[in-house]
Amino acid sequence: YHFMSLKTRKEINDVYGMNDSWLNIANEYYDYGKPDSSVFYYHKVIPFFQSENNHYALGVAYNGLGVIYRNNKNYDQAINYLQKSIDEHIQVGNKYKAAPSLISLSRVYHDLLDYDQEIQLLLKAKNLSEENSSLKLELKVWYLLAQANSLIGEYQLSNKYYLKHHIVSDSLYQVERDETIEQMKVSYETEKKEKALIEEQMKN
């Protein structure tokens, strides 16, 4: 469907839309486990979005490249692109998107056994996730902080962070449960209305 969208955008010469499609395609290839194709399309769109000063799109592209390079153990490139991603998102105040890039960058330093730097980055990500009330990000950060502190022998801190992880996990479960119940209520009420409407139509 992204390629179908791209075809239409080419036909009407929608240059911005074409680059938007290529960015979406890069993201899909990343999720699909085809990093080479993903890297190709990320690099394809970066010059255009640089010319447009589109910090959001650049942040997304740089983050994708950073994670791919980390998976390939190309740590210098991973650090370079993940830091760029963080800078782009922070520049426009998009702290919600900066937090995952900080977490990804912390994983690079985890691979390099630089646990102190990993912890500093995770603490920054923690602050941003708390500011944006993102329980899923918080859950991940608390777990990684507990793990990293355990590796440097800070067992009291590690236990504290594991407890935080447990508390947030319970909160997240409750939120997701309440959302599920609410969705079921809406679905039930909608079904009742549709049934009543059909019965009324049959009477008529």
N, C-alpha and C. Protein backbone atom coordinates (compact mmCIF):
# COMPACT_ATOMS: atom_id res chain seq x y z
N TYR A 1 0.82 -1.21 0.00
CA TYR A 1 0.00 0.00 0.00
C TYR A 1 0.86 1.27 0.00
N HIS A 2 1.99 1.21 0.67
CA HIS A 2 2.90 2.38 0.63
C HIS A 2 3.42 2.59 -0.80
N PHE A 3 3.71 1.52 -1.50
CA PHE A 3 4.18 1.65 -2.89
C PHE A 3 3.05 2.13 -3.81
N MET A 4 1.82 1.73 -3.52
CA MET A 4 0.68 2.23 -4.29
C MET A 4 0.52 3.73 -4.07
N SER A 5 0.68 4.14 -2.81
CA SER A 5 0.60 5.57 -2.48
C SER A 5 1.72 6.33 -3.18
N LEU A 6 2.92 5.75 -3.18
CA LEU A 6 4.07 6.38 -3.84
C LEU A 6 3.80 6.55 -5.33
N LYS A 7 3.22 5.54 -5.96
CA LYS A 7 2.91 5.61 -7.40
C LYS A 7 1.98 6.80 -7.70
N THR A 8 0.94 6.94 -6.89
CA THR A 8 -0.01 8.04 -7.08
C THR A 8 0.66 9.39 -6.86
N ARG A 9 1.50 9.46 -5.84
CA ARG A 9 2.19 10.72 -5.54
C ARG A 9 3.16 11.11 -6.66
N LYS A 10 3.76 10.11 -7.28
CA LYS A 10 4.63 10.39 -8.42
C LYS A 10 3.83 10.94 -9.59
N GLU A 11 2.65 10.37 -9.79
CA GLU A 11 1.80 10.80 -10.92
C GLU A 11 1.37 12.26 -10.79
N ILE A 12 1.16 12.72 -9.56
CA ILE A 12 0.74 14.11 -9.37
C ILE A 12 1.93 15.01 -8.96
N ASN A 13 3.14 14.43 -9.03
CA ASN A 13 4.37 15.17 -8.72
C ASN A 13 4.35 15.79 -7.32
N ASP A 14 3.88 14.99 -6.36
CA ASP A 14 3.87 15.42 -4.96
C ASP A 14 5.20 15.03 -4.33
N VAL A 15 6.19 15.92 -4.44
CA VAL A 15 7.55 15.61 -4.00
C VAL A 15 7.60 15.34 -2.50
N TYR A 16 6.92 16.18 -1.73
CA TYR A 16 6.92 15.98 -0.28
C TYR A 16 6.28 14.63 0.07
N GLY A 17 5.15 14.33 -0.57
CA GLY A 17 4.47 13.07 -0.32
C GLY A 17 5.30 11.86 -0.72
N MET A 18 6.07 12.01 -1.80
CA MET A 18 6.93 10.91 -2.24
C MET A 18 7.98 10.58 -1.18
N ASN A 19 8.60 11.63 -0.63
CA ASN A 19 9.59 11.40 0.42
C ASN A 19 8.96 10.85 1.69
N ASP A 20 7.73 11.27 1.96
CA ASP A 20 6.98 10.72 3.08
C ASP A 20 6.76 9.23 2.89
N SER A 21 6.40 8.84 1.67
CA SER A 21 6.19 7.41 1.36
C SER A 21 7.49 6.63 1.51
N TRP A 22 8.59 7.19 1.00
CA TRP A 22 9.89 6.49 1.12
C TRP A 22 10.28 6.30 2.59
N LEU A 23 9.97 7.31 3.42
CA LEU A 23 10.27 7.16 4.86
C LEU A 23 9.42 6.05 5.46
N ASN A 24 8.13 6.01 5.08
CA ASN A 24 7.26 4.94 5.58
C ASN A 24 7.74 3.57 5.12
N ILE A 25 8.20 3.50 3.88
CA ILE A 25 8.71 2.24 3.32
C ILE A 25 9.96 1.79 4.08
N ALA A 26 10.83 2.76 4.40
CA ALA A 26 12.03 2.46 5.18
C ALA A 26 11.65 1.87 6.53
N ASN A 27 10.65 2.47 7.19
CA ASN A 27 10.20 1.98 8.49
C ASN A 27 9.62 0.57 8.38
N GLU A 28 8.86 0.31 7.32
CA GLU A 28 8.26 -1.01 7.14
C GLU A 28 9.32 -2.07 6.87
N TYR A 29 10.31 -1.74 6.05
CA TYR A 29 11.40 -2.69 5.80
C TYR A 29 12.16 -2.99 7.08
N TYR A 30 12.30 -1.97 7.94
CA TYR A 30 12.97 -2.16 9.23
C TYR A 30 12.19 -3.17 10.07
N ASP A 31 10.86 -2.97 10.17
CA ASP A 31 10.02 -3.89 10.94
C ASP A 31 9.98 -5.28 10.32
N TYR A 32 10.13 -5.33 8.99
CA TYR A 32 10.02 -6.58 8.24
C TYR A 32 11.33 -7.40 8.28
N GLY A 33 12.36 -6.79 8.91
CA GLY A 33 13.63 -7.50 9.03
C GLY A 33 14.49 -7.47 7.78
N LYS A 34 14.37 -6.35 7.00
CA LYS A 34 15.21 -6.18 5.81
C LYS A 34 16.01 -4.89 5.96
N PRO A 35 17.07 -4.92 6.79
CA PRO A 35 17.81 -3.69 7.12
C PRO A 35 18.48 -3.02 5.93
N ASP A 36 18.96 -3.79 4.95
CA ASP A 36 19.63 -3.18 3.79
C ASP A 36 18.67 -2.28 3.01
N SER A 37 17.47 -2.78 2.77
CA SER A 37 16.46 -1.98 2.07
C SER A 37 16.07 -0.76 2.92
N SER A 38 15.96 -0.98 4.22
CA SER A 38 15.61 0.10 5.13
C SER A 38 16.66 1.21 5.09
N VAL A 39 17.93 0.84 5.16
CA VAL A 39 19.03 1.82 5.12
C VAL A 39 19.01 2.59 3.81
N PHE A 40 18.75 1.89 2.71
CA PHE A 40 18.70 2.54 1.39
C PHE A 40 17.67 3.67 1.38
N TYR A 41 16.47 3.37 1.87
CA TYR A 41 15.39 4.38 1.82
C TYR A 41 15.58 5.47 2.87
N TYR A 42 16.16 5.14 4.02
CA TYR A 42 16.46 6.20 5.00
C TYR A 42 17.42 7.22 4.40
N HIS A 43 18.49 6.72 3.76
CA HIS A 43 19.47 7.63 3.16
C HIS A 43 18.86 8.40 1.97
N LYS A 44 17.89 7.79 1.32
CA LYS A 44 17.24 8.44 0.18
C LYS A 44 16.49 9.70 0.60
N VAL A 45 15.84 9.64 1.78
CA VAL A 45 14.99 10.77 2.18
C VAL A 45 15.71 11.84 3.01
N ILE A 46 16.83 11.49 3.60
CA ILE A 46 17.50 12.43 4.52
C ILE A 46 17.83 13.77 3.86
N PRO A 47 18.44 13.80 2.65
CA PRO A 47 18.76 15.12 2.04
C PRO A 47 17.52 16.00 1.84
N PHE A 48 16.41 15.38 1.44
CA PHE A 48 15.18 16.17 1.22
C PHE A 48 14.68 16.77 2.53
N PHE A 49 14.59 15.95 3.57
CA PHE A 49 14.07 16.45 4.83
C PHE A 49 15.04 17.45 5.50
N GLN A 50 16.33 17.32 5.19
CA GLN A 50 17.28 18.33 5.66
C GLN A 50 16.99 19.68 4.99
N SER A 51 16.72 19.64 3.69
CA SER A 51 16.42 20.87 2.95
C SER A 51 15.11 21.51 3.43
N GLU A 52 14.20 20.68 3.95
CA GLU A 52 12.90 21.16 4.42
C GLU A 52 12.90 21.49 5.92
N ASN A 53 14.04 21.23 6.58
CA ASN A 53 14.12 21.41 8.04
C ASN A 53 13.02 20.65 8.78
N ASN A 54 12.73 19.45 8.29
CA ASN A 54 11.72 18.61 8.92
C ASN A 54 12.40 17.78 10.00
N HIS A 55 12.44 18.32 11.21
CA HIS A 55 13.19 17.69 12.30
C HIS A 55 12.55 16.37 12.75
N TYR A 56 11.22 16.31 12.68
CA TYR A 56 10.54 15.07 13.08
C TYR A 56 10.95 13.92 12.17
N ALA A 57 10.86 14.12 10.85
CA ALA A 57 11.20 13.06 9.89
C ALA A 57 12.67 12.68 10.00
N LEU A 58 13.54 13.69 10.17
CA LEU A 58 14.97 13.40 10.33
C LEU A 58 15.22 12.59 11.60
N GLY A 59 14.52 12.94 12.68
CA GLY A 59 14.69 12.19 13.92
C GLY A 59 14.30 10.74 13.76
N VAL A 60 13.22 10.50 13.02
CA VAL A 60 12.76 9.12 12.77
C VAL A 60 13.79 8.36 11.92
N ALA A 61 14.28 9.00 10.86
CA ALA A 61 15.24 8.35 9.96
C ALA A 61 16.55 8.05 10.68
N TYR A 62 17.05 9.04 11.43
CA TYR A 62 18.32 8.85 12.15
C TYR A 62 18.20 7.75 13.21
N ASN A 63 17.04 7.68 13.89
CA ASN A 63 16.84 6.64 14.89
C ASN A 63 16.86 5.25 14.24
N GLY A 64 16.16 5.12 13.11
CA GLY A 64 16.15 3.84 12.40
C GLY A 64 17.54 3.40 12.00
N LEU A 65 18.32 4.34 11.45
CA LEU A 65 19.69 4.01 11.05
C LEU A 65 20.54 3.63 12.26
N GLY A 66 20.36 4.37 13.36
CA GLY A 66 21.15 4.09 14.56
C GLY A 66 20.91 2.70 15.10
N VAL A 67 19.65 2.29 15.14
CA VAL A 67 19.31 0.96 15.66
C VAL A 67 19.85 -0.13 14.73
N ILE A 68 19.75 0.09 13.43
CA ILE A 68 20.27 -0.89 12.47
C ILE A 68 21.78 -1.04 12.62
N TYR A 69 22.49 0.09 12.72
CA TYR A 69 23.95 0.03 12.86
C TYR A 69 24.34 -0.63 14.19
N ARG A 70 23.56 -0.41 15.22
CA ARG A 70 23.85 -1.08 16.50
C ARG A 70 23.70 -2.60 16.35
N ASN A 71 22.62 -3.01 15.67
CA ASN A 71 22.40 -4.44 15.46
C ASN A 71 23.52 -5.07 14.64
N ASN A 72 24.14 -4.26 13.77
CA ASN A 72 25.27 -4.74 12.95
C ASN A 72 26.61 -4.56 13.65
N LYS A 73 26.56 -4.09 14.93
CA LYS A 73 27.76 -3.86 15.75
C LYS A 73 28.68 -2.77 15.18
N ASN A 74 28.09 -1.88 14.38
CA ASN A 74 28.82 -0.71 13.88
C ASN A 74 28.52 0.43 14.87
N TYR A 75 29.22 0.40 16.00
CA TYR A 75 28.85 1.24 17.13
C TYR A 75 29.13 2.73 16.90
N ASP A 76 30.19 3.06 16.18
CA ASP A 76 30.47 4.47 15.91
C ASP A 76 29.33 5.12 15.12
N GLN A 77 28.88 4.42 14.08
CA GLN A 77 27.77 4.93 13.27
C GLN A 77 26.47 4.95 14.08
N ALA A 78 26.28 3.95 14.93
CA ALA A 78 25.08 3.89 15.76
C ALA A 78 25.02 5.09 16.70
N ILE A 79 26.14 5.39 17.35
CA ILE A 79 26.19 6.54 18.27
C ILE A 79 25.94 7.83 17.50
N ASN A 80 26.56 7.95 16.34
CA ASN A 80 26.43 9.15 15.51
C ASN A 80 24.97 9.42 15.15
N TYR A 81 24.29 8.41 14.63
CA TYR A 81 22.91 8.61 14.16
C TYR A 81 21.91 8.73 15.30
N LEU A 82 22.11 7.98 16.38
CA LEU A 82 21.17 8.08 17.50
C LEU A 82 21.29 9.44 18.19
N GLN A 83 22.52 9.95 18.30
CA GLN A 83 22.68 11.29 18.87
C GLN A 83 22.03 12.34 17.98
N LYS A 84 22.16 12.17 16.67
CA LYS A 84 21.50 13.08 15.73
C LYS A 84 19.97 13.02 15.91
N SER A 85 19.45 11.82 16.08
CA SER A 85 18.01 11.65 16.27
C SER A 85 17.54 12.40 17.52
N ILE A 86 18.28 12.23 18.61
CA ILE A 86 17.94 12.91 19.86
C ILE A 86 17.96 14.43 19.67
N ASP A 87 19.01 14.92 19.02
CA ASP A 87 19.15 16.37 18.79
C ASP A 87 17.99 16.92 17.96
N GLU A 88 17.59 16.18 16.91
CA GLU A 88 16.50 16.65 16.05
C GLU A 88 15.19 16.75 16.83
N HIS A 89 14.90 15.73 17.63
CA HIS A 89 13.64 15.73 18.38
C HIS A 89 13.64 16.81 19.47
N ILE A 90 14.78 16.96 20.15
CA ILE A 90 14.87 17.97 21.21
C ILE A 90 14.74 19.37 20.64
N GLN A 91 15.29 19.57 19.44
CA GLN A 91 15.28 20.89 18.81
C GLN A 91 13.87 21.45 18.66
N VAL A 92 12.90 20.56 18.43
CA VAL A 92 11.51 21.01 18.27
C VAL A 92 10.65 20.64 19.48
N GLY A 93 11.31 20.28 20.57
CA GLY A 93 10.59 19.99 21.81
C GLY A 93 9.82 18.69 21.82
N ASN A 94 10.16 17.78 20.91
CA ASN A 94 9.46 16.50 20.86
C ASN A 94 10.15 15.50 21.80
N LYS A 95 9.91 15.69 23.09
CA LYS A 95 10.59 14.86 24.09
C LYS A 95 10.08 13.41 24.08
N TYR A 96 8.83 13.25 23.67
CA TYR A 96 8.25 11.91 23.62
C TYR A 96 9.03 11.01 22.65
N LYS A 97 9.44 11.58 21.49
CA LYS A 97 10.21 10.80 20.51
C LYS A 97 11.69 10.74 20.87
N ALA A 98 12.17 11.72 21.64
CA ALA A 98 13.58 11.72 22.03
C ALA A 98 13.88 10.59 23.01
N ALA A 99 12.92 10.27 23.87
CA ALA A 99 13.15 9.25 24.91
C ALA A 99 13.51 7.87 24.32
N PRO A 100 12.78 7.35 23.31
CA PRO A 100 13.18 6.05 22.75
C PRO A 100 14.57 6.07 22.12
N SER A 101 14.96 7.20 21.51
CA SER A 101 16.30 7.30 20.94
C SER A 101 17.36 7.28 22.03
N LEU A 102 17.06 7.92 23.17
CA LEU A 102 17.98 7.86 24.31
C LEU A 102 18.13 6.43 24.82
N ILE A 103 17.02 5.70 24.86
CA ILE A 103 17.07 4.30 25.29
C ILE A 103 17.89 3.47 24.31
N SER A 104 17.68 3.71 23.01
CA SER A 104 18.46 2.98 21.99
C SER A 104 19.94 3.29 22.12
N LEU A 105 20.27 4.56 22.37
CA LEU A 105 21.68 4.94 22.54
C LEU A 105 22.27 4.29 23.79
N SER A 106 21.46 4.19 24.84
CA SER A 106 21.95 3.54 26.07
C SER A 106 22.30 2.08 25.81
N ARG A 107 21.56 1.42 24.89
CA ARG A 107 21.84 0.02 24.58
C ARG A 107 23.17 -0.15 23.86
N VAL A 108 23.56 0.87 23.09
CA VAL A 108 24.88 0.83 22.44
C VAL A 108 25.97 0.81 23.51
N TYR A 109 25.85 1.71 24.50
CA TYR A 109 26.86 1.76 25.57
C TYR A 109 26.80 0.52 26.45
N HIS A 110 25.63 -0.10 26.53
CA HIS A 110 25.53 -1.38 27.24
C HIS A 110 26.37 -2.44 26.51
N ASP A 111 26.27 -2.46 25.18
CA ASP A 111 27.06 -3.41 24.39
C ASP A 111 28.56 -3.16 24.56
N LEU A 112 28.91 -1.87 24.73
CA LEU A 112 30.32 -1.48 24.87
C LEU A 112 30.81 -1.61 26.31
N LEU A 113 29.95 -2.12 27.19
CA LEU A 113 30.24 -2.33 28.62
C LEU A 113 30.50 -1.02 29.37
N ASP A 114 30.03 0.09 28.83
CA ASP A 114 30.15 1.39 29.49
C ASP A 114 28.85 1.64 30.25
N TYR A 115 28.73 0.99 31.41
CA TYR A 115 27.47 1.01 32.14
C TYR A 115 27.18 2.38 32.76
N ASP A 116 28.22 3.13 33.13
CA ASP A 116 28.00 4.46 33.69
C ASP A 116 27.31 5.38 32.67
N GLN A 117 27.82 5.34 31.43
CA GLN A 117 27.20 6.16 30.38
C GLN A 117 25.79 5.66 30.06
N GLU A 118 25.63 4.36 30.09
CA GLU A 118 24.30 3.78 29.86
C GLU A 118 23.31 4.31 30.89
N ILE A 119 23.71 4.32 32.15
CA ILE A 119 22.82 4.77 33.23
C ILE A 119 22.48 6.24 33.09
N GLN A 120 23.45 7.07 32.71
CA GLN A 120 23.19 8.51 32.53
C GLN A 120 22.14 8.74 31.44
N LEU A 121 22.25 8.00 30.36
CA LEU A 121 21.28 8.14 29.26
C LEU A 121 19.91 7.63 29.67
N LEU A 122 19.87 6.55 30.43
CA LEU A 122 18.59 6.01 30.89
C LEU A 122 17.89 6.96 31.86
N LEU A 123 18.67 7.63 32.69
CA LEU A 123 18.07 8.60 33.62
C LEU A 123 17.45 9.78 32.86
N LYS A 124 18.12 10.20 31.77
CA LYS A 124 17.54 11.26 30.93
C LYS A 124 16.24 10.77 30.29
N ALA A 125 16.26 9.52 29.80
CA ALA A 125 15.06 8.95 29.19
C ALA A 125 13.94 8.82 30.22
N LYS A 126 14.30 8.48 31.45
CA LYS A 126 13.32 8.37 32.54
C LYS A 126 12.61 9.70 32.76
N ASN A 127 13.40 10.78 32.83
CA ASN A 127 12.82 12.10 33.05
C ASN A 127 11.84 12.49 31.94
N LEU A 128 12.23 12.19 30.70
CA LEU A 128 11.37 12.53 29.57
C LEU A 128 10.10 11.69 29.55
N SER A 129 10.23 10.40 29.87
CA SER A 129 9.05 9.52 29.87
C SER A 129 8.09 9.90 30.99
N GLU A 130 8.63 10.35 32.13
CA GLU A 130 7.77 10.79 33.23
C GLU A 130 7.05 12.09 32.87
N GLU A 131 7.77 13.00 32.20
CA GLU A 131 7.16 14.26 31.77
C GLU A 131 5.99 14.02 30.83
N ASN A 132 6.10 12.97 30.01
CA ASN A 132 5.07 12.69 29.01
C ASN A 132 4.10 11.61 29.45
N SER A 133 4.22 11.19 30.71
CA SER A 133 3.31 10.18 31.28
C SER A 133 3.21 8.94 30.40
N SER A 134 4.37 8.47 29.93
CA SER A 134 4.39 7.28 29.08
C SER A 134 4.77 6.07 29.93
N LEU A 135 3.77 5.31 30.36
CA LEU A 135 4.02 4.17 31.25
C LEU A 135 4.85 3.08 30.57
N LYS A 136 4.61 2.88 29.26
CA LYS A 136 5.35 1.82 28.57
C LYS A 136 6.85 2.14 28.51
N LEU A 137 7.18 3.42 28.25
CA LEU A 137 8.58 3.82 28.23
C LEU A 137 9.17 3.73 29.63
N GLU A 138 8.42 4.20 30.64
CA GLU A 138 8.89 4.12 32.02
C GLU A 138 9.18 2.68 32.41
N LEU A 139 8.29 1.79 32.05
CA LEU A 139 8.45 0.37 32.38
C LEU A 139 9.78 -0.16 31.86
N LYS A 140 10.09 0.18 30.61
CA LYS A 140 11.34 -0.28 30.00
C LYS A 140 12.54 0.35 30.68
N VAL A 141 12.46 1.66 30.98
CA VAL A 141 13.59 2.37 31.58
C VAL A 141 13.90 1.83 32.97
N TRP A 142 12.87 1.63 33.79
CA TRP A 142 13.11 1.12 35.15
C TRP A 142 13.80 -0.25 35.11
N TYR A 143 13.36 -1.11 34.18
CA TYR A 143 13.97 -2.44 34.08
C TYR A 143 15.44 -2.34 33.67
N LEU A 144 15.73 -1.50 32.67
CA LEU A 144 17.11 -1.37 32.20
C LEU A 144 18.00 -0.71 33.25
N LEU A 145 17.44 0.25 33.99
CA LEU A 145 18.21 0.87 35.08
C LEU A 145 18.54 -0.15 36.17
N ALA A 146 17.57 -1.00 36.50
CA ALA A 146 17.81 -2.04 37.50
C ALA A 146 18.90 -2.99 37.03
N GLN A 147 18.83 -3.37 35.78
CA GLN A 147 19.82 -4.29 35.20
C GLN A 147 21.22 -3.69 35.20
N ALA A 148 21.32 -2.42 34.75
CA ALA A 148 22.63 -1.76 34.64
C ALA A 148 23.26 -1.54 36.01
N ASN A 149 22.45 -1.13 36.99
CA ASN A 149 22.99 -0.90 38.34
C ASN A 149 23.43 -2.19 39.00
N SER A 150 22.75 -3.27 38.69
CA SER A 150 23.16 -4.57 39.21
C SER A 150 24.54 -4.95 38.66
N LEU A 151 24.79 -4.61 37.39
CA LEU A 151 26.06 -4.97 36.76
C LEU A 151 27.26 -4.21 37.34
N ILE A 152 27.00 -3.02 37.92
CA ILE A 152 28.11 -2.26 38.52
C ILE A 152 28.14 -2.42 40.04
N GLY A 153 27.33 -3.33 40.55
CA GLY A 153 27.36 -3.63 41.98
C GLY A 153 26.51 -2.72 42.84
N GLU A 154 25.68 -1.88 42.24
CA GLU A 154 24.79 -0.99 43.00
C GLU A 154 23.47 -1.73 43.26
N TYR A 155 23.53 -2.69 44.20
CA TYR A 155 22.40 -3.59 44.36
C TYR A 155 21.19 -2.93 45.02
N GLN A 156 21.44 -1.97 45.93
CA GLN A 156 20.31 -1.27 46.56
C GLN A 156 19.53 -0.46 45.52
N LEU A 157 20.28 0.25 44.67
CA LEU A 157 19.64 1.01 43.59
C LEU A 157 18.91 0.08 42.64
N SER A 158 19.57 -1.04 42.34
CA SER A 158 18.97 -2.01 41.43
C SER A 158 17.63 -2.51 41.97
N ASN A 159 17.60 -2.84 43.27
CA ASN A 159 16.36 -3.30 43.89
C ASN A 159 15.29 -2.22 43.86
N LYS A 160 15.72 -0.97 44.08
CA LYS A 160 14.79 0.16 44.05
C LYS A 160 14.14 0.28 42.67
N TYR A 161 14.98 0.14 41.62
CA TYR A 161 14.46 0.27 40.26
C TYR A 161 13.59 -0.91 39.86
N TYR A 162 13.93 -2.10 40.35
CA TYR A 162 13.08 -3.26 40.07
C TYR A 162 11.69 -3.08 40.72
N LEU A 163 11.68 -2.48 41.93
CA LEU A 163 10.41 -2.21 42.61
C LEU A 163 9.59 -1.20 41.80
N LYS A 164 10.27 -0.15 41.29
CA LYS A 164 9.60 0.84 40.45
C LYS A 164 9.00 0.17 39.21
N HIS A 165 9.78 -0.74 38.61
CA HIS A 165 9.34 -1.47 37.43
C HIS A 165 8.06 -2.25 37.75
N HIS A 166 8.05 -2.89 38.93
CA HIS A 166 6.89 -3.69 39.33
C HIS A 166 5.65 -2.79 39.52
N ILE A 167 5.84 -1.63 40.15
CA ILE A 167 4.73 -0.71 40.41
C ILE A 167 4.15 -0.19 39.10
N VAL A 168 5.04 0.22 38.17
CA VAL A 168 4.58 0.73 36.88
C VAL A 168 3.91 -0.37 36.07
N SER A 169 4.43 -1.59 36.19
CA SER A 169 3.83 -2.73 35.48
C SER A 169 2.39 -2.94 35.93
N ASP A 170 2.15 -2.83 37.25
CA ASP A 170 0.79 -2.96 37.78
C ASP A 170 -0.11 -1.84 37.27
N SER A 171 0.45 -0.61 37.25
CA SER A 171 -0.33 0.54 36.78
C SER A 171 -0.70 0.39 35.31
N LEU A 172 0.28 -0.06 34.53
CA LEU A 172 0.04 -0.24 33.10
C LEU A 172 -1.01 -1.32 32.86
N TYR A 173 -0.95 -2.39 33.63
CA TYR A 173 -1.95 -3.46 33.50
C TYR A 173 -3.34 -2.92 33.78
N GLN A 174 -3.45 -2.09 34.84
CA GLN A 174 -4.76 -1.54 35.21
C GLN A 174 -5.29 -0.61 34.13
N VAL A 175 -4.41 0.23 33.58
CA VAL A 175 -4.81 1.15 32.52
C VAL A 175 -5.30 0.37 31.30
N GLU A 176 -4.51 -0.64 30.89
CA GLU A 176 -4.87 -1.44 29.71
C GLU A 176 -6.15 -2.23 29.95
N ARG A 177 -6.33 -2.72 31.20
CA ARG A 177 -7.56 -3.45 31.54
C ARG A 177 -8.77 -2.53 31.45
N ASP A 178 -8.63 -1.32 32.01
CA ASP A 178 -9.73 -0.35 31.97
C ASP A 178 -10.07 0.05 30.53
N GLU A 179 -9.02 0.20 29.70
CA GLU A 179 -9.26 0.55 28.30
C GLU A 179 -10.00 -0.59 27.59
N THR A 180 -9.62 -1.82 27.89
CA THR A 180 -10.27 -2.98 27.27
C THR A 180 -11.74 -3.05 27.67
N ILE A 181 -12.00 -2.82 28.97
CA ILE A 181 -13.39 -2.85 29.46
C ILE A 181 -14.21 -1.76 28.78
N GLU A 182 -13.61 -0.56 28.65
CA GLU A 182 -14.31 0.55 28.02
C GLU A 182 -14.62 0.25 26.55
N GLN A 183 -13.64 -0.38 25.87
CA GLN A 183 -13.85 -0.76 24.47
C GLN A 183 -14.98 -1.80 24.35
N MET A 184 -15.03 -2.73 25.29
CA MET A 184 -16.08 -3.75 25.29
C MET A 184 -17.45 -3.11 25.52
N LYS A 185 -17.49 -2.10 26.42
CA LYS A 185 -18.75 -1.40 26.68
C LYS A 185 -19.24 -0.68 25.42
N VAL A 186 -18.31 0.03 24.77
CA VAL A 186 -18.66 0.75 23.55
C VAL A 186 -19.15 -0.21 22.47
N SER A 187 -18.43 -1.34 22.34
CA SER A 187 -18.80 -2.36 21.34
C SER A 187 -20.19 -2.92 21.64
N TYR A 188 -20.46 -3.17 22.93
CA TYR A 188 -21.76 -3.72 23.34
C TYR A 188 -22.89 -2.73 23.05
N GLU A 189 -22.68 -1.46 23.40
CA GLU A 189 -23.70 -0.44 23.18
C GLU A 189 -23.95 -0.22 21.69
N THR A 190 -22.86 -0.25 20.91
CA THR A 190 -22.98 -0.09 19.45
C THR A 190 -23.79 -1.24 18.86
N GLU A 191 -23.49 -2.45 19.33
CA GLU A 191 -24.20 -3.64 18.84
C GLU A 191 -25.69 -3.57 19.18
N LYS A 192 -26.00 -3.07 20.40
CA LYS A 192 -27.39 -2.93 20.82
C LYS A 192 -28.14 -1.95 19.91
N LYS A 193 -27.47 -0.81 19.63
CA LYS A 193 -28.09 0.20 18.77
C LYS A 193 -28.32 -0.33 17.36
N GLU A 194 -27.32 -1.06 16.84
CA GLU A 194 -27.44 -1.62 15.49
C GLU A 194 -28.58 -2.65 15.44
N LYS A 195 -28.68 -3.46 16.48
CA LYS A 195 -29.74 -4.48 16.54
C LYS A 195 -31.11 -3.83 16.59
N ALA A 196 -31.22 -2.77 17.42
CA ALA A 196 -32.49 -2.05 17.55
C ALA A 196 -32.90 -1.41 16.23
N LEU A 197 -31.88 -0.88 15.53
CA LEU A 197 -32.13 -0.23 14.23
C LEU A 197 -32.63 -1.25 13.20
N ILE A 198 -32.01 -2.42 13.18
CA ILE A 198 -32.42 -3.48 12.24
C ILE A 198 -33.85 -3.93 12.54
N GLU A 199 -34.15 -4.09 13.85
CA GLU A 199 -35.50 -4.51 14.24
C GLU A 199 -36.53 -3.48 13.82
N GLU A 200 -36.18 -2.19 13.98
CA GLU A 200 -37.09 -1.11 13.59
C GLU A 200 -37.32 -1.11 12.08
N GLN A 201 -36.23 -1.35 11.34
CA GLN A 201 -36.34 -1.39 9.88
C GLN A 201 -37.22 -2.56 9.42
N MET A 202 -37.08 -3.72 10.11
CA MET A 202 -37.88 -4.89 9.76
C MET A 202 -39.36 -4.64 10.03
N LYS A 203 -39.64 -3.93 11.14
CA LYS A 203 -41.04 -3.60 11.46
C LYS A 203 -41.63 -2.70 10.38
N ASN A 204 -40.83 -1.71 9.96
CA ASN A 204 -41.30 -0.79 8.94
C ASN A 204 -41.52 -1.50 7.60
